[in-house]
N, C-alpha and C. Protein backbone atom coordinates (compact mmCIF):
# COMPACT_ATOMS: atom_id res chain seq x y z
N MET A 1 0.91 -1.19 -0.01
CA MET A 1 0.01 0.00 -0.03
C MET A 1 0.90 1.22 -0.04
N THR A 2 0.74 2.15 -0.93
CA THR A 2 1.45 3.37 -1.07
C THR A 2 0.78 4.50 -0.28
N TRP A 3 1.69 5.19 0.47
CA TRP A 3 1.16 6.36 1.25
C TRP A 3 1.63 7.66 0.61
N ASN A 4 0.86 8.74 0.84
CA ASN A 4 1.30 10.02 0.44
C ASN A 4 0.46 11.01 1.24
N LEU A 5 0.66 12.29 1.13
CA LEU A 5 0.06 13.36 1.98
C LEU A 5 -1.55 13.27 1.76
N GLN A 6 -1.94 13.11 0.58
CA GLN A 6 -3.37 13.04 0.36
C GLN A 6 -4.03 11.92 0.98
N ARG A 7 -3.41 10.80 0.87
CA ARG A 7 -4.00 9.59 1.53
C ARG A 7 -4.02 9.70 3.08
N PHE A 8 -2.97 10.21 3.55
CA PHE A 8 -2.83 10.56 5.04
C PHE A 8 -3.95 11.44 5.52
N LEU A 9 -4.16 12.50 4.73
CA LEU A 9 -5.17 13.45 5.09
C LEU A 9 -6.63 12.73 5.16
N GLU A 10 -6.86 11.87 4.15
CA GLU A 10 -8.16 11.23 4.06
C GLU A 10 -8.28 10.23 5.31
N VAL A 11 -7.28 9.61 5.81
CA VAL A 11 -7.31 8.91 7.05
C VAL A 11 -7.52 9.63 8.25
N LEU A 12 -7.08 10.81 8.28
CA LEU A 12 -7.19 11.78 9.42
C LEU A 12 -8.53 12.44 9.51
N LYS A 13 -9.20 12.59 8.36
CA LYS A 13 -10.48 13.30 8.36
C LYS A 13 -11.48 13.06 9.46
N PRO A 14 -11.78 11.74 9.73
CA PRO A 14 -12.82 11.55 10.79
C PRO A 14 -12.28 11.89 12.18
N VAL A 15 -11.03 11.80 12.36
CA VAL A 15 -10.37 12.18 13.59
C VAL A 15 -10.44 13.72 13.71
N ILE A 16 -10.13 14.35 12.67
CA ILE A 16 -10.11 15.83 12.62
C ILE A 16 -11.56 16.32 12.93
N GLU A 17 -12.47 15.68 12.51
CA GLU A 17 -13.94 16.15 12.73
C GLU A 17 -14.18 16.08 14.24
N ILE A 18 -13.87 15.03 14.94
CA ILE A 18 -14.02 14.94 16.47
C ILE A 18 -13.21 15.97 17.16
N VAL A 19 -11.94 16.10 16.70
CA VAL A 19 -10.99 17.08 17.28
C VAL A 19 -11.57 18.42 17.21
N HIS A 20 -12.12 18.73 15.99
CA HIS A 20 -12.52 20.08 15.77
C HIS A 20 -13.74 20.44 16.59
N GLU A 21 -14.62 19.42 16.78
CA GLU A 21 -15.96 19.68 17.42
C GLU A 21 -15.90 19.67 19.02
N GLU A 22 -14.88 19.11 19.56
CA GLU A 22 -14.80 18.86 21.01
C GLU A 22 -13.96 19.83 21.71
N SER A 23 -14.17 19.95 23.05
CA SER A 23 -13.37 20.75 24.03
C SER A 23 -12.10 19.84 24.19
N TRP A 24 -10.99 20.54 24.18
CA TRP A 24 -9.75 19.89 24.32
C TRP A 24 -9.28 19.68 25.72
N GLY A 25 -9.62 18.55 26.32
CA GLY A 25 -9.31 18.14 27.60
C GLY A 25 -9.41 16.61 27.71
N SER A 26 -9.41 16.11 29.00
CA SER A 26 -9.40 14.65 29.18
C SER A 26 -10.61 13.90 28.54
N ALA A 27 -11.79 14.49 28.43
CA ALA A 27 -12.94 13.84 27.82
C ALA A 27 -12.59 13.65 26.35
N LEU A 28 -11.88 14.44 25.68
CA LEU A 28 -11.56 14.28 24.30
C LEU A 28 -10.59 13.09 24.21
N SER A 29 -9.57 13.02 25.07
CA SER A 29 -8.66 11.88 25.06
C SER A 29 -9.37 10.55 25.12
N VAL A 30 -10.45 10.47 26.17
CA VAL A 30 -11.14 9.23 26.28
C VAL A 30 -11.91 8.89 24.97
N LYS A 31 -12.58 9.97 24.48
CA LYS A 31 -13.35 9.76 23.24
C LYS A 31 -12.46 9.21 22.04
N LEU A 32 -11.34 9.90 21.90
CA LEU A 32 -10.37 9.53 20.75
C LEU A 32 -9.95 7.98 21.08
N ASN A 33 -9.53 7.71 22.21
CA ASN A 33 -9.11 6.32 22.46
C ASN A 33 -10.19 5.37 22.39
N ALA A 34 -11.42 5.62 22.67
CA ALA A 34 -12.50 4.66 22.50
C ALA A 34 -12.95 4.58 21.06
N THR A 35 -12.86 5.65 20.28
CA THR A 35 -13.31 5.65 18.82
C THR A 35 -12.19 5.21 17.85
N PHE A 36 -10.90 5.74 18.07
CA PHE A 36 -9.86 5.68 17.13
C PHE A 36 -8.59 5.18 17.84
N GLY A 37 -8.69 4.38 19.03
CA GLY A 37 -7.48 4.14 19.76
C GLY A 37 -6.80 2.96 19.20
N PRO A 38 -5.72 2.60 19.92
CA PRO A 38 -4.91 1.38 19.49
C PRO A 38 -5.78 0.10 19.13
N GLY A 39 -5.35 -0.52 18.01
CA GLY A 39 -6.17 -1.63 17.59
C GLY A 39 -7.24 -1.34 16.74
N SER A 40 -7.61 -0.04 16.51
CA SER A 40 -8.58 0.38 15.55
C SER A 40 -7.94 0.48 14.15
N GLU A 41 -8.71 0.29 13.08
CA GLU A 41 -8.13 0.45 11.68
C GLU A 41 -7.65 1.82 11.55
N THR A 42 -8.33 2.93 12.04
CA THR A 42 -7.79 4.23 11.80
C THR A 42 -6.42 4.47 12.44
N PHE A 43 -6.30 4.04 13.67
CA PHE A 43 -5.09 4.17 14.54
C PHE A 43 -3.93 3.43 13.74
N SER A 44 -4.17 2.17 13.43
CA SER A 44 -3.24 1.39 12.60
C SER A 44 -2.76 2.05 11.34
N GLU A 45 -3.66 2.75 10.61
CA GLU A 45 -3.37 3.42 9.36
C GLU A 45 -2.59 4.67 9.67
N ILE A 46 -2.92 5.38 10.73
CA ILE A 46 -2.09 6.59 11.11
C ILE A 46 -0.63 6.15 11.46
N ALA A 47 -0.49 5.08 12.20
CA ALA A 47 0.88 4.65 12.64
C ALA A 47 1.61 4.20 11.36
N GLU A 48 0.94 3.49 10.41
CA GLU A 48 1.63 3.05 9.18
C GLU A 48 2.04 4.26 8.30
N ALA A 49 1.16 5.24 8.23
CA ALA A 49 1.42 6.39 7.47
C ALA A 49 2.63 7.10 7.97
N CYS A 50 2.59 7.38 9.35
CA CYS A 50 3.66 7.93 9.95
C CYS A 50 5.13 7.20 9.75
N ARG A 51 4.99 5.91 9.88
CA ARG A 51 6.26 5.00 9.74
C ARG A 51 6.65 5.31 8.31
N SER A 52 5.81 5.18 7.34
CA SER A 52 6.17 5.33 5.89
C SER A 52 6.69 6.75 5.65
N GLY A 53 6.03 7.77 6.24
CA GLY A 53 6.44 9.10 5.89
C GLY A 53 7.88 9.43 6.44
N VAL A 54 8.16 8.97 7.68
CA VAL A 54 9.40 9.22 8.29
C VAL A 54 10.56 8.39 7.58
N GLU A 55 10.26 7.12 7.47
CA GLU A 55 11.24 6.20 6.88
C GLU A 55 11.61 6.42 5.33
N GLU A 56 10.52 6.77 4.59
CA GLU A 56 10.61 7.02 3.12
C GLU A 56 10.86 8.50 2.80
N GLY A 57 10.68 9.41 3.75
CA GLY A 57 11.04 10.76 3.57
C GLY A 57 9.86 11.65 3.00
N TRP A 58 8.77 11.13 2.73
CA TRP A 58 7.72 12.05 2.09
C TRP A 58 6.97 12.95 3.08
N MET A 59 7.32 12.72 4.38
CA MET A 59 6.74 13.80 5.34
C MET A 59 7.72 14.89 5.64
N GLY A 60 8.88 14.75 5.08
CA GLY A 60 9.90 15.92 5.24
C GLY A 60 10.38 16.21 6.57
N VAL A 61 10.46 15.18 7.41
CA VAL A 61 10.97 15.44 8.78
C VAL A 61 12.52 15.68 8.75
N ALA A 62 13.04 16.56 9.68
CA ALA A 62 14.41 16.81 9.68
C ALA A 62 14.92 16.62 11.18
N GLY A 63 16.23 16.33 11.35
CA GLY A 63 16.80 16.28 12.54
C GLY A 63 17.77 15.10 12.63
N ASP A 64 18.00 14.55 13.82
CA ASP A 64 18.87 13.46 13.94
C ASP A 64 18.26 12.19 14.43
N GLU A 65 18.96 11.05 14.81
CA GLU A 65 18.45 9.82 15.20
C GLU A 65 17.67 9.98 16.65
N ARG A 66 17.99 10.98 17.36
CA ARG A 66 17.28 11.02 18.73
C ARG A 66 16.03 11.92 18.56
N ARG A 67 16.10 12.89 17.68
CA ARG A 67 14.91 13.81 17.62
C ARG A 67 14.75 14.40 16.19
N LYS A 68 13.71 14.06 15.49
CA LYS A 68 13.56 14.67 14.12
C LYS A 68 11.97 14.71 13.99
N GLY A 69 11.61 15.86 13.15
CA GLY A 69 10.25 16.11 13.04
C GLY A 69 10.05 17.28 12.14
N GLY A 70 8.75 17.51 11.85
CA GLY A 70 8.42 18.59 11.04
C GLY A 70 6.91 18.76 10.86
N ARG A 71 6.50 19.89 10.21
CA ARG A 71 5.12 20.13 9.99
C ARG A 71 4.79 19.36 8.70
N VAL A 72 3.82 18.50 8.76
CA VAL A 72 3.43 17.68 7.59
C VAL A 72 2.30 18.34 6.88
N LEU A 73 1.43 18.94 7.49
CA LEU A 73 0.21 19.69 6.87
C LEU A 73 -0.01 20.98 7.63
N GLU A 74 0.12 22.04 6.84
CA GLU A 74 -0.24 23.44 7.46
C GLU A 74 -1.73 23.54 7.77
N PRO A 75 -1.97 24.55 8.59
CA PRO A 75 -3.42 24.73 8.91
C PRO A 75 -4.04 25.23 7.63
N ALA A 76 -5.22 24.65 7.37
CA ALA A 76 -6.03 24.96 6.14
C ALA A 76 -7.54 24.47 6.30
N PRO A 77 -8.37 24.97 5.50
CA PRO A 77 -9.83 24.61 5.60
C PRO A 77 -9.98 22.98 5.64
N ALA A 78 -9.25 22.20 4.90
CA ALA A 78 -9.41 20.88 4.95
C ALA A 78 -9.12 20.21 6.30
N THR A 79 -8.38 20.91 7.18
CA THR A 79 -8.08 20.39 8.48
C THR A 79 -8.70 21.24 9.64
N HIS A 80 -9.70 22.07 9.20
CA HIS A 80 -10.40 22.97 10.11
C HIS A 80 -9.35 23.67 10.93
N ASN A 81 -8.37 24.28 10.14
CA ASN A 81 -7.25 25.17 10.57
C ASN A 81 -6.33 24.46 11.55
N LEU A 82 -6.30 23.11 11.65
CA LEU A 82 -5.30 22.48 12.47
C LEU A 82 -4.07 22.09 11.62
N SER A 83 -2.85 22.36 12.23
CA SER A 83 -1.66 21.73 11.60
C SER A 83 -1.49 20.33 12.06
N VAL A 84 -0.78 19.65 11.26
CA VAL A 84 -0.52 18.25 11.57
C VAL A 84 1.05 18.12 11.55
N ASP A 85 1.65 17.72 12.60
CA ASP A 85 3.12 17.58 12.73
C ASP A 85 3.37 16.10 13.12
N VAL A 86 4.62 15.71 12.74
CA VAL A 86 5.05 14.47 13.25
C VAL A 86 6.44 14.50 13.77
N VAL A 87 6.77 13.92 14.76
CA VAL A 87 8.12 13.80 15.33
C VAL A 87 8.41 12.39 15.56
N GLU A 88 9.76 12.05 15.61
CA GLU A 88 10.24 10.73 16.18
C GLU A 88 11.27 11.11 17.08
N ILE A 89 11.08 10.50 18.26
CA ILE A 89 12.05 10.82 19.35
C ILE A 89 12.47 9.58 19.99
N ALA A 90 13.60 9.46 20.74
CA ALA A 90 14.07 8.30 21.35
C ALA A 90 14.78 8.77 22.61
N ASP A 91 14.18 8.21 23.77
CA ASP A 91 14.86 8.56 25.08
C ASP A 91 15.36 9.93 25.18
N ILE A 92 14.54 10.86 25.08
CA ILE A 92 15.14 12.20 25.20
C ILE A 92 13.97 13.16 25.71
N THR A 93 14.39 14.24 26.25
CA THR A 93 13.53 15.29 26.75
C THR A 93 13.75 16.43 25.80
N GLY A 94 12.70 17.04 25.20
CA GLY A 94 12.84 18.01 24.19
C GLY A 94 12.62 19.39 24.85
N PRO A 95 12.71 20.49 24.02
CA PRO A 95 12.66 21.78 24.43
C PRO A 95 11.27 22.22 25.06
N HIS A 96 11.22 22.91 26.01
CA HIS A 96 9.97 23.42 26.75
C HIS A 96 9.32 24.23 25.74
N HIS A 97 7.95 24.02 25.72
CA HIS A 97 7.02 24.71 24.81
C HIS A 97 5.62 24.76 25.40
N ARG A 98 4.89 25.84 24.82
CA ARG A 98 3.55 26.12 25.35
C ARG A 98 2.65 25.90 24.18
N HIS A 99 1.34 25.38 24.49
CA HIS A 99 0.39 25.19 23.55
C HIS A 99 -0.78 26.18 23.58
N PRO A 100 -0.70 27.40 22.87
CA PRO A 100 -1.73 28.47 23.12
C PRO A 100 -3.17 27.86 22.89
N GLY A 101 -3.28 27.04 21.90
CA GLY A 101 -4.68 26.49 21.58
C GLY A 101 -4.89 25.05 22.15
N GLY A 102 -3.66 24.43 22.66
CA GLY A 102 -3.84 22.99 22.96
C GLY A 102 -3.03 22.05 22.01
N GLU A 103 -3.02 20.87 22.27
CA GLU A 103 -2.27 19.82 21.39
C GLU A 103 -2.99 18.52 21.64
N VAL A 104 -3.26 17.92 20.46
CA VAL A 104 -3.86 16.57 20.54
C VAL A 104 -2.77 15.67 19.90
N CYS A 105 -2.39 14.65 20.62
CA CYS A 105 -1.26 13.78 20.14
C CYS A 105 -1.75 12.29 20.00
N ALA A 106 -1.31 11.65 18.92
CA ALA A 106 -1.26 10.26 18.79
C ALA A 106 0.13 9.69 19.11
N VAL A 107 0.20 8.85 20.15
CA VAL A 107 1.45 8.33 20.66
C VAL A 107 1.61 7.00 19.91
N LEU A 108 2.69 6.87 19.06
CA LEU A 108 2.97 5.68 18.26
C LEU A 108 4.21 5.07 18.54
N PRO A 109 4.32 4.12 19.50
CA PRO A 109 5.51 3.65 19.88
C PRO A 109 6.27 2.75 18.66
N VAL A 110 7.53 2.95 18.44
CA VAL A 110 8.29 2.14 17.61
C VAL A 110 8.87 0.94 18.45
N THR A 111 9.38 1.33 19.59
CA THR A 111 9.80 0.36 20.66
C THR A 111 8.60 -0.01 21.51
N VAL A 112 8.29 -1.30 21.61
CA VAL A 112 7.18 -1.70 22.36
C VAL A 112 7.43 -1.10 23.86
N GLY A 113 6.30 -0.46 24.38
CA GLY A 113 6.37 0.03 25.72
C GLY A 113 6.82 1.61 25.75
N ALA A 114 7.38 2.12 24.72
CA ALA A 114 7.83 3.45 24.73
C ALA A 114 6.63 4.41 25.05
N CYS A 115 6.88 5.43 25.90
CA CYS A 115 5.94 6.34 26.32
C CYS A 115 6.26 7.73 25.97
N PHE A 116 5.28 8.64 25.77
CA PHE A 116 5.41 10.09 25.57
C PHE A 116 4.89 10.83 26.71
N ASP A 117 5.70 11.42 27.40
CA ASP A 117 5.32 12.12 28.67
C ASP A 117 4.57 11.19 29.71
N GLY A 118 4.95 9.95 29.57
CA GLY A 118 4.42 8.98 30.46
C GLY A 118 3.08 8.39 29.90
N ASN A 119 2.74 8.85 28.61
CA ASN A 119 1.49 8.29 28.07
C ASN A 119 1.92 7.15 27.12
N PRO A 120 1.18 5.96 27.27
CA PRO A 120 1.51 4.74 26.42
C PRO A 120 0.81 4.99 24.96
N GLU A 121 1.00 4.06 24.26
CA GLU A 121 0.29 4.18 22.89
C GLU A 121 -1.15 4.51 23.01
N GLY A 122 -1.54 5.50 22.13
CA GLY A 122 -2.93 6.01 22.16
C GLY A 122 -2.83 7.42 21.98
N TRP A 123 -4.02 8.08 22.47
CA TRP A 123 -4.18 9.47 22.29
C TRP A 123 -4.07 10.18 23.57
N CYS A 124 -3.43 11.39 23.59
CA CYS A 124 -3.41 12.22 24.81
C CYS A 124 -3.74 13.65 24.32
N VAL A 125 -4.22 14.46 25.22
CA VAL A 125 -4.74 15.78 24.89
C VAL A 125 -4.11 16.77 25.93
N TYR A 126 -3.53 17.85 25.34
CA TYR A 126 -3.08 18.92 26.28
C TYR A 126 -3.96 20.11 25.98
N PRO A 127 -4.52 20.60 26.99
CA PRO A 127 -5.59 21.70 26.85
C PRO A 127 -4.97 23.08 26.52
N PRO A 128 -5.70 24.07 26.02
CA PRO A 128 -5.20 25.31 25.69
C PRO A 128 -4.39 25.92 26.87
N GLY A 129 -3.30 26.54 26.49
CA GLY A 129 -2.40 27.16 27.55
C GLY A 129 -1.49 26.29 28.30
N SER A 130 -1.55 24.92 28.07
CA SER A 130 -0.75 23.93 28.71
C SER A 130 0.78 24.18 28.14
N ALA A 131 1.65 23.58 28.86
CA ALA A 131 3.11 23.63 28.59
C ALA A 131 3.78 22.40 29.11
N HIS A 132 4.87 22.08 28.41
CA HIS A 132 5.69 20.84 29.05
C HIS A 132 7.00 20.83 28.36
N TYR A 133 7.85 19.95 28.88
CA TYR A 133 9.10 19.47 28.25
C TYR A 133 8.80 18.05 27.69
N PRO A 134 8.50 17.87 26.35
CA PRO A 134 8.11 16.61 25.85
C PRO A 134 9.28 15.54 26.06
N SER A 135 8.77 14.39 26.45
CA SER A 135 9.78 13.48 26.81
C SER A 135 9.39 12.04 26.17
N ALA A 136 10.47 11.26 25.68
CA ALA A 136 10.20 9.92 25.15
C ALA A 136 11.00 9.09 26.20
N THR A 137 10.40 8.07 26.77
CA THR A 137 10.99 7.19 27.65
C THR A 137 10.64 5.77 27.19
N GLY A 138 11.64 4.80 27.47
CA GLY A 138 11.36 3.42 27.19
C GLY A 138 11.84 3.10 25.61
N GLY A 139 12.34 3.98 24.95
CA GLY A 139 12.80 3.72 23.56
C GLY A 139 12.21 4.71 22.58
N ARG A 140 12.10 4.32 21.29
CA ARG A 140 11.72 5.17 20.24
C ARG A 140 10.30 5.19 19.97
N LEU A 141 9.70 6.37 19.77
CA LEU A 141 8.35 6.48 19.32
C LEU A 141 8.11 7.65 18.31
N ARG A 142 7.00 7.64 17.73
CA ARG A 142 6.59 8.70 16.80
C ARG A 142 5.35 9.34 17.60
N VAL A 143 5.20 10.69 17.30
CA VAL A 143 4.01 11.38 17.83
C VAL A 143 3.52 12.13 16.68
N MET A 144 2.19 11.97 16.36
CA MET A 144 1.59 12.86 15.38
C MET A 144 0.70 13.63 16.18
N PHE A 145 0.72 15.00 15.86
CA PHE A 145 -0.13 15.91 16.68
C PHE A 145 -0.75 17.14 15.97
N PHE A 146 -1.85 17.51 16.45
CA PHE A 146 -2.67 18.57 15.88
C PHE A 146 -2.47 19.78 16.68
N LEU A 147 -2.21 21.02 16.06
CA LEU A 147 -2.17 22.25 16.81
C LEU A 147 -3.17 23.15 16.25
N PRO A 148 -4.04 23.95 16.75
CA PRO A 148 -4.95 24.93 16.25
C PRO A 148 -4.07 26.04 15.65
N GLY A 149 -4.35 26.35 14.44
CA GLY A 149 -3.53 27.43 13.73
C GLY A 149 -2.11 27.14 13.66
N GLY A 150 -1.66 25.99 13.96
CA GLY A 150 -0.24 25.64 13.98
C GLY A 150 0.56 26.29 15.18
N ALA A 151 -0.21 26.79 16.11
CA ALA A 151 0.50 27.53 17.20
C ALA A 151 1.23 26.76 18.32
N ILE A 152 2.47 27.04 18.45
CA ILE A 152 3.33 26.49 19.38
C ILE A 152 4.30 27.72 19.80
N GLU A 153 4.58 27.65 21.08
CA GLU A 153 5.50 28.76 21.50
C GLU A 153 6.65 28.13 22.36
N TYR A 154 7.85 28.16 21.73
CA TYR A 154 8.99 27.65 22.40
C TYR A 154 9.52 28.59 23.45
N THR A 155 9.78 28.04 24.63
CA THR A 155 10.30 28.88 25.73
C THR A 155 11.67 28.58 26.17
N ASP A 156 12.21 27.47 25.50
CA ASP A 156 13.49 26.97 25.85
C ASP A 156 14.50 27.44 24.81
N ALA A 157 15.56 27.96 25.36
CA ALA A 157 16.58 28.60 24.34
C ALA A 157 17.28 27.55 23.41
N ASP A 158 17.20 26.22 23.91
CA ASP A 158 17.94 25.24 23.08
C ASP A 158 17.05 24.58 22.05
N ALA A 159 15.87 25.08 21.84
CA ALA A 159 14.92 24.60 20.88
C ALA A 159 15.55 24.55 19.38
N THR A 160 15.71 23.29 18.84
CA THR A 160 16.40 23.24 17.63
C THR A 160 15.44 22.88 16.52
N LEU A 161 14.19 22.42 16.85
CA LEU A 161 13.22 22.16 15.75
C LEU A 161 12.04 23.17 15.98
N ARG A 162 12.32 24.27 15.46
CA ARG A 162 11.27 25.30 15.57
C ARG A 162 10.15 25.42 14.56
N SER A 163 10.19 24.43 13.71
CA SER A 163 9.19 24.50 12.56
C SER A 163 7.81 23.80 13.00
N GLY A 164 7.52 24.10 14.29
CA GLY A 164 6.34 23.61 14.67
C GLY A 164 6.31 22.20 15.29
N SER A 165 7.36 21.68 15.46
CA SER A 165 7.67 20.27 16.00
C SER A 165 7.93 20.36 17.43
N THR A 166 7.50 19.31 18.10
CA THR A 166 7.61 19.02 19.59
C THR A 166 9.18 18.60 19.76
């Protein structure tokens, strides 16, 4: 099966509709995990698209073996003004940043048991105004995330991936 940005966007559409309509908090995380969580066809397709995009290069991620990422889709009407970013990180804590409009993440472990900010495989939601040092523990993982208007504010001077990536 061949992946590209258009096919990736098609897989994301039902997720984007829920993310767009709901308040960004713990209830959204529960709903996403119940509807599109690990083991679902949609989650599996998102994971496969992100694997393909990172490994084959069509997602345009940049960086090194411990932290690479990039903006895959800019905010647009087709995404209800949400950007879509993908990062791949391994046993690292990234630069501190704030989410003015929130952040919705799909945690996609490459290494079985790897976690993002302590969250295992599945969906996690950061409400508007939240901030963190993103961390990968237990090995390598990919994180696909939505940002309203693509907004992210780096607060850490050592931020090296400022193109909207965690």
